[in-house]
Protein backbone atom coordinates (compact mmCIF):
# COMPACT_ATOMS: atom_id res chain seq x y z
CA MET A 1 -2.55 -6.02 -7.11
CA THR A 2 -4.47 -9.21 -7.67
CA ALA A 3 -7.73 -9.16 -9.56
CA PRO A 4 -10.83 -10.74 -7.98
CA GLY A 5 -10.60 -14.49 -8.32
CA GLY A 6 -7.43 -14.15 -10.39
CA ARG A 7 -4.15 -15.99 -10.20
CA ALA A 8 -1.83 -13.62 -12.08
CA ALA A 9 1.65 -13.82 -10.60
CA ARG A 10 3.01 -10.84 -12.53
CA ILE A 11 3.14 -7.62 -10.53
CA PRO A 12 3.20 -4.43 -12.64
CA ALA A 13 6.17 -2.11 -12.37
CA ARG A 14 3.87 0.58 -11.05
CA GLY A 15 0.94 -0.65 -9.03
CA PRO A 16 -1.18 0.37 -6.07
CA TRP A 17 1.33 -0.72 -3.42
CA ARG A 18 4.59 0.11 -5.17
CA ASP A 19 5.62 3.66 -6.20
CA ASP A 20 2.76 5.29 -4.30
CA PRO A 21 1.65 6.91 -1.01
CA TYR A 22 1.94 3.57 0.84
CA ALA A 23 5.66 3.25 0.14
CA THR A 24 6.14 6.92 1.06
CA ALA A 25 4.35 6.45 4.39
CA LEU A 26 6.44 3.38 5.26
CA HIS A 27 9.66 5.22 4.46
CA ALA A 28 8.50 8.20 6.55
CA GLY A 29 7.37 5.97 9.40
CA GLN A 30 3.96 7.60 9.68
CA GLY A 31 0.72 8.54 7.98
CA PRO A 32 -1.68 9.98 7.21
CA LEU A 33 -2.73 7.32 4.71
CA PHE A 34 -6.19 6.40 3.49
CA LEU A 35 -8.07 4.23 1.04
CA ARG A 36 -10.22 6.60 -1.01
CA ARG A 37 -13.40 5.13 -2.48
CA THR A 38 -14.87 6.31 -5.76
CA ASP A 39 -17.65 8.06 -3.78
CA GLY A 40 -15.00 10.12 -1.99
CA ARG A 41 -15.21 8.36 1.38
CA LEU A 42 -11.89 7.84 3.14
CA MET A 43 -10.94 4.74 5.11
CA PRO A 44 -7.93 5.44 7.38
CA LEU A 45 -4.98 3.03 7.39
CA GLU A 46 -3.07 2.50 10.64
CA VAL A 47 0.49 2.98 9.44
CA GLU A 48 1.90 3.76 12.87
CA ARG A 49 0.38 0.61 14.40
CA TRP A 50 1.72 -1.52 11.54
CA LEU A 51 5.21 -0.11 12.12
CA ALA A 52 5.09 -0.60 15.90
CA ASP A 53 5.65 -3.81 17.82
CA ALA A 54 2.84 -6.34 18.19
CA ASP A 55 -0.02 -5.08 20.38
CA ALA A 56 -2.55 -7.00 22.50
CA GLY A 57 -4.71 -7.90 19.50
CA ASP A 58 -1.66 -9.14 17.61
CA GLU A 59 -0.53 -11.16 20.62
CA SER A 60 -3.86 -12.99 20.66
CA VAL A 61 -3.23 -14.00 17.03
CA LEU A 62 0.39 -14.95 17.62
CA ALA A 63 -0.64 -17.21 20.50
CA ARG A 64 -2.85 -19.22 18.11
CA CYS A 65 -0.24 -19.61 15.37
CA ARG A 66 1.05 -23.14 14.98
CA GLY A 67 3.95 -24.54 12.98
CA ALA A 68 4.93 -22.84 9.74
CA VAL A 69 3.13 -19.51 9.29
CA LEU A 70 2.42 -17.58 6.10
CA ASP A 71 1.45 -13.92 6.62
CA VAL A 72 -0.46 -12.74 3.54
CA GLY A 73 -0.09 -9.00 3.03
CA CYS A 74 2.56 -8.86 5.75
CA GLY A 75 3.07 -5.10 5.47
CA PRO A 76 6.15 -3.82 7.29
CA GLY A 77 6.54 -7.14 9.08
CA ARG A 78 5.72 -6.83 12.76
CA LEU A 79 3.98 -10.23 12.87
CA VAL A 80 6.58 -12.04 10.79
CA ALA A 81 9.37 -10.66 12.98
CA ALA A 82 7.53 -11.60 16.18
CA LEU A 83 6.90 -15.12 14.89
CA ALA A 84 10.56 -15.56 13.96
CA GLU A 85 11.56 -14.49 17.46
CA ARG A 86 9.27 -17.20 18.85
CA GLY A 87 10.91 -19.88 16.77
CA HIS A 88 8.27 -20.27 14.04
CA ARG A 89 9.18 -20.78 10.42
CA ALA A 90 7.43 -17.68 9.13
CA LEU A 91 7.20 -16.06 5.71
CA GLY A 92 5.56 -12.80 4.75
CA VAL A 93 4.30 -12.07 1.24
CA ASP A 94 3.38 -8.61 0.03
CA VAL A 95 3.17 -6.86 -3.33
CA SER A 96 4.88 -3.78 -1.88
CA PRO A 97 8.69 -3.79 -2.17
CA ALA A 98 8.83 -1.20 0.64
CA ALA A 99 6.88 -3.55 2.94
CA VAL A 100 9.13 -6.50 2.08
CA THR A 101 12.24 -4.41 2.73
CA SER A 102 10.86 -3.32 6.11
CA THR A 103 10.05 -6.92 7.08
CA VAL A 104 13.57 -8.09 6.27
CA ARG A 105 15.08 -5.19 8.22
CA ARG A 106 13.04 -6.26 11.25
CA GLY A 107 14.54 -9.73 11.08
CA GLY A 108 11.75 -11.47 9.20
CA THR A 109 11.67 -13.30 5.87
CA ALA A 110 9.47 -11.94 3.10
CA LEU A 111 8.89 -12.16 -0.65
CA CYS A 112 7.42 -9.60 -3.04
CA ARG A 113 4.63 -11.81 -4.38
CA SER A 114 0.89 -11.85 -4.98
CA VAL A 115 -0.99 -14.41 -2.90
CA PHE A 116 -2.72 -15.50 -6.12
CA GLY A 117 0.58 -16.33 -7.79
CA PRO A 118 2.93 -19.27 -7.11
CA LEU A 119 4.21 -19.35 -3.52
CA PRO A 120 6.71 -21.51 -1.65
CA GLY A 121 5.34 -24.40 0.37
CA GLU A 122 1.86 -24.49 -1.14
CA GLY A 123 -0.23 -27.03 0.76
CA ARG A 124 2.27 -27.17 3.63
CA TRP A 125 1.55 -24.06 5.74
CA THR A 126 0.16 -24.82 9.19
CA THR A 127 -1.21 -21.28 9.70
CA VAL A 128 -2.16 -18.64 7.14
CA LEU A 129 -2.79 -15.09 8.37
CA LEU A 130 -5.09 -12.46 6.85
CA ILE A 131 -4.72 -9.59 9.32
CA ASP A 132 -5.06 -5.76 9.20
CA GLY A 133 -7.87 -5.69 6.66
CA ASN A 134 -6.16 -8.08 4.27
CA ILE A 135 -9.40 -10.02 3.83
CA GLY A 136 -10.01 -7.24 1.29
CA ILE A 137 -7.16 -8.25 -1.02
CA GLY A 138 -8.37 -8.58 -4.59
CA GLY A 139 -11.91 -7.44 -3.79
CA ASP A 140 -13.21 -11.04 -3.59
CA PRO A 141 -13.16 -12.58 -0.07
CA VAL A 142 -14.38 -15.99 -1.27
CA ALA A 143 -11.58 -16.26 -3.83
CA LEU A 144 -9.02 -15.10 -1.28
CA LEU A 145 -10.19 -17.52 1.41
CA GLY A 146 -10.27 -20.32 -1.15
CA ARG A 147 -6.68 -19.53 -2.06
CA ALA A 148 -5.71 -19.50 1.63
CA ALA A 149 -7.28 -22.95 2.00
CA GLU A 150 -5.16 -24.22 -0.91
CA LEU A 151 -2.03 -23.07 0.90
CA LEU A 152 -2.84 -24.95 4.11
CA ALA A 153 -1.36 -28.25 5.21
CA PRO A 154 -3.85 -30.91 6.35
CA GLY A 155 -5.25 -29.78 9.70
CA GLY A 156 -4.02 -26.22 9.13
CA ARG A 157 -5.81 -23.02 10.12
CA VAL A 158 -6.55 -19.61 8.63
CA ILE A 159 -6.74 -16.69 11.06
CA ALA A 160 -8.55 -13.73 9.51
CA GLU A 161 -9.37 -10.30 10.88
CA ALA A 162 -12.80 -8.85 10.08
CA ALA A 163 -13.94 -5.24 10.03
CA PRO A 164 -14.99 -4.00 13.51
CA VAL A 165 -18.57 -3.46 12.27
CA GLU A 166 -20.85 -5.72 10.26
CA VAL A 167 -20.35 -4.86 6.61
CA ASP A 168 -20.06 -6.71 3.31
CA GLU A 169 -18.98 -4.56 0.42
CA ARG A 170 -16.78 -4.49 -2.67
CA CYS A 171 -15.38 -1.22 -3.91
CA GLU A 172 -12.70 0.37 -6.03
CA VAL A 173 -10.20 2.38 -4.00
CA ARG A 174 -7.03 4.40 -4.38
CA LEU A 175 -4.32 5.10 -1.83
CA ASP A 176 -4.48 8.71 -0.65
CA ASP A 177 -1.90 10.52 1.48
CA GLY A 178 -4.36 13.22 2.53
CA ARG A 179 -2.28 15.83 0.76
CA GLY A 180 -3.45 15.38 -2.81
CA THR A 181 -1.31 12.41 -3.90
CA LEU A 182 -3.32 9.44 -5.14
CA GLY A 183 -2.28 5.93 -6.16
CA VAL A 184 -3.77 3.92 -9.01
CA PRO A 185 -7.26 2.35 -8.59
CA PHE A 186 -7.60 -1.26 -7.40
CA PRO A 187 -10.40 -3.51 -6.07
CA TRP A 188 -10.92 -3.95 -2.35
CA ALA A 189 -13.44 -5.50 0.03
CA ARG A 190 -14.60 -5.01 3.60
CA VAL A 191 -16.37 -7.73 5.56
CA GLY A 192 -17.62 -7.91 9.11
CA PRO A 193 -17.51 -10.99 11.35
CA GLU A 194 -20.76 -12.59 10.17
CA SER A 195 -19.99 -11.90 6.51
CA LEU A 196 -16.54 -13.39 6.97
CA SER A 197 -18.05 -16.61 8.28
CA ARG A 198 -20.46 -16.80 5.33
CA HIS A 199 -17.70 -16.25 2.79
CA ALA A 200 -15.52 -18.80 4.57
CA GLY A 201 -18.24 -21.41 4.17
CA ARG A 202 -18.45 -20.73 0.45
CA ALA A 203 -14.67 -21.16 0.27
CA GLY A 204 -14.76 -24.54 2.03
CA LEU A 205 -13.67 -23.28 5.43
CA THR A 206 -15.40 -23.72 8.78
CA PRO A 207 -15.23 -21.10 11.57
CA LEU A 208 -13.82 -22.62 14.75
CA HIS A 209 -13.51 -19.67 17.09
CA ARG A 210 -14.14 -15.93 17.06
CA TRP A 211 -12.78 -13.41 19.53
CA THR A 212 -12.57 -9.65 19.98
CA LEU A 213 -9.72 -7.80 21.66
CA ALA A 214 -8.73 -4.14 21.67
CA GLY A 215 -11.58 -3.34 19.30
CA ARG A 216 -10.43 -5.90 16.71
CA THR A 217 -12.27 -9.10 15.76
CA PHE A 218 -10.61 -12.29 14.57
CA THR A 219 -11.86 -15.67 13.36
CA GLU A 220 -9.96 -18.95 13.24
CA LEU A 221 -10.98 -21.13 10.28
CA ALA A 222 -10.31 -24.73 9.28
CA CYS A 223 -10.92 -26.64 6.06
CA ALA A 224 -14.34 -28.26 6.15
CA PRO A 225 -14.29 -32.07 5.79
CA ALA A 226 -15.38 -33.49 2.44
CA PRO A 227 -19.02 -34.67 2.46
CA ALA A 228 -18.03 -38.34 2.23
CA ALA A 229 -15.54 -37.99 5.08
CA ALA A 230 -18.12 -36.12 7.16
CA GLY A 231 -20.61 -38.93 6.52
CA ARG A 232 -18.13 -41.60 7.60
CA THR A 233 -17.37 -39.63 10.76
CA ALA A 234 -21.07 -39.33 11.61
CA ALA A 235 -21.59 -43.07 10.98
CA THR A 236 -18.65 -43.93 13.21
CA ARG A 237 -20.06 -41.86 16.05
CA ALA A 238 -23.56 -43.34 15.70
């Protein structure tokens, strides 16, 4: 797992998304699976939805994808596979070998990589996806959104999914199968729609559009123009 604000490309042989309850749930095709906080609270993970075909919320994201698409934290690959079927050049990245294997089996292309490490096509992706809670990767949304901005081609977009309620928190969690098996601790974050927009601004991204469908909320983000460029644009319009 990536550390907040880090760029380490090396993925440990045993980490939170490798030999753990997540891999077991993907192999089994079902949960239960949770993120367990240090205070004992459980956050359910939607394994069955991730393993199913794209739903209405996913379709609203897919319809906004343009050009070459990078799915960060692609999981078992439903979005990557759907994008490939629609003719997009799409790549999924995930630190879980089980997720990468599932994506490939579904007809997608995926690499076992950290988003904070070197990736193919840096600066040339038209769309970068942060869906299914993946805004929490690394426990630092500003660092993650900043990294997503680095991966974009000029004029590219980030599409990020926020928590369904307004929240802005960092926590340490472990994967929990609900039957006593726990993974190793790692940092995570949860942000609601307003918090996502604030963090995006700090990362140099501007919210363009927000929508809610099937109880899920998404925001489309673009790189903010540099101050000098923005000034020239304003002068031209005057």
